[in-house]
Protein backbone atom coordinates (compact mmCIF):
# COMPACT_ATOMS: atom_id res chain seq x y z
CA MET A 1 0.09 -7.98 22.78
CA ALA A 2 -2.50 -9.11 20.38
CA LYS A 3 -2.39 -8.20 16.52
CA PRO A 4 -5.38 -6.10 16.41
CA ASN A 5 -8.40 -6.69 13.99
CA TYR A 6 -7.97 -3.85 11.78
CA LEU A 7 -10.35 -4.64 9.32
CA ALA A 8 -12.92 -4.38 12.38
CA ILE A 9 -11.66 -1.61 13.95
CA ALA A 10 -11.55 0.14 10.65
CA GLU A 11 -15.24 -0.59 9.95
CA GLN A 12 -15.68 1.18 13.56
CA LEU A 13 -13.69 4.45 12.58
CA LYS A 14 -15.73 4.35 9.38
CA ASN A 15 -18.93 4.68 11.60
CA GLU A 16 -17.76 6.77 14.64
CA THR A 17 -19.16 10.24 14.79
CA ASP A 18 -17.57 11.14 17.98
CA PRO A 19 -13.96 12.97 17.75
CA THR A 20 -11.86 11.59 20.45
CA ARG A 21 -13.86 8.26 19.76
CA GLN A 22 -12.45 8.53 16.22
CA GLU A 23 -9.16 9.23 17.27
CA GLU A 24 -8.62 6.52 19.81
CA LEU A 25 -9.93 4.07 17.24
CA ARG A 26 -7.09 5.67 14.68
CA SER A 27 -4.32 5.14 17.36
CA GLN A 28 -5.33 1.45 17.19
CA LEU A 29 -5.51 0.97 13.97
CA TYR A 30 -1.56 2.18 13.21
CA VAL A 31 -0.11 -0.22 15.56
CA PHE A 32 1.34 -3.06 13.41
CA THR A 33 3.19 -5.07 16.12
CA GLU A 34 3.73 -8.00 13.18
CA GLN A 35 3.81 -8.18 9.66
CA LEU A 36 0.65 -7.67 7.79
CA THR A 37 -1.29 -10.20 5.86
CA GLN A 38 -1.35 -9.40 2.19
CA GLU A 39 -5.44 -8.69 2.81
CA GLU A 40 -3.97 -6.19 5.54
CA LYS A 41 -1.86 -4.49 2.97
CA ASP A 42 -4.33 -4.21 0.77
CA LEU A 43 -6.96 -2.61 3.40
CA PHE A 44 -4.01 -0.26 3.97
CA GLY A 45 -3.55 0.23 0.49
CA TYR A 46 -4.25 3.04 -2.14
CA ILE A 47 -5.00 0.11 -4.52
CA ASN A 48 -5.09 -3.12 -4.02
CA SER A 49 -1.71 -5.40 -4.75
CA GLY A 50 -1.61 -6.94 -8.27
CA TYR A 51 -4.05 -3.94 -9.82
CA ILE A 52 -0.63 -2.34 -11.00
CA GLU A 53 2.05 -4.32 -13.07
CA ASN A 54 5.66 -2.98 -12.60
CA ASN A 55 7.54 -1.92 -15.88
CA PRO A 56 9.89 -5.34 -16.94
CA GLY A 57 12.84 -4.21 -15.70
CA ILE A 58 16.03 -4.90 -17.87
CA GLN A 59 15.39 -7.56 -21.35
CA GLY A 60 18.31 -7.67 -22.89
CA ASN A 61 20.89 -4.42 -22.51
CA GLN A 62 18.41 -2.12 -22.29
CA TYR A 63 15.83 -0.88 -19.87
CA ALA A 64 12.44 -1.81 -21.05
CA SER A 65 8.87 0.64 -19.77
CA TYR A 66 5.49 -0.21 -20.31
CA VAL A 67 5.09 3.26 -21.32
CA GLY A 68 6.47 6.05 -22.83
CA THR A 69 10.49 6.96 -23.56
CA TYR A 70 12.62 5.84 -20.62
CA TYR A 71 15.39 8.06 -20.19
CA SER A 72 18.17 6.92 -18.00
CA ASP A 73 20.84 8.75 -16.02
CA SER A 74 23.02 8.38 -18.92
CA GLY A 75 21.17 9.50 -21.62
CA GLU A 76 19.74 6.02 -22.93
CA THR A 77 16.39 5.45 -24.21
CA THR A 78 13.93 2.70 -24.40
């Protein structure tokens, strides 16, 4: 089975008014037979990748957080 053109199906779904045809398009849209490209992941994602930067994680001997104070399970804070 060939990989669907997700962008084309999404455009058709956006403009379709017939509920039966909308369901047919949705059933085609969410079939992932191969790994998605980054562009396809962005199409299905809530926001584009790279928009939000992850917390830096462990720096030195403690967890670093960009926002607020981080509390670990053992009670340590940043």
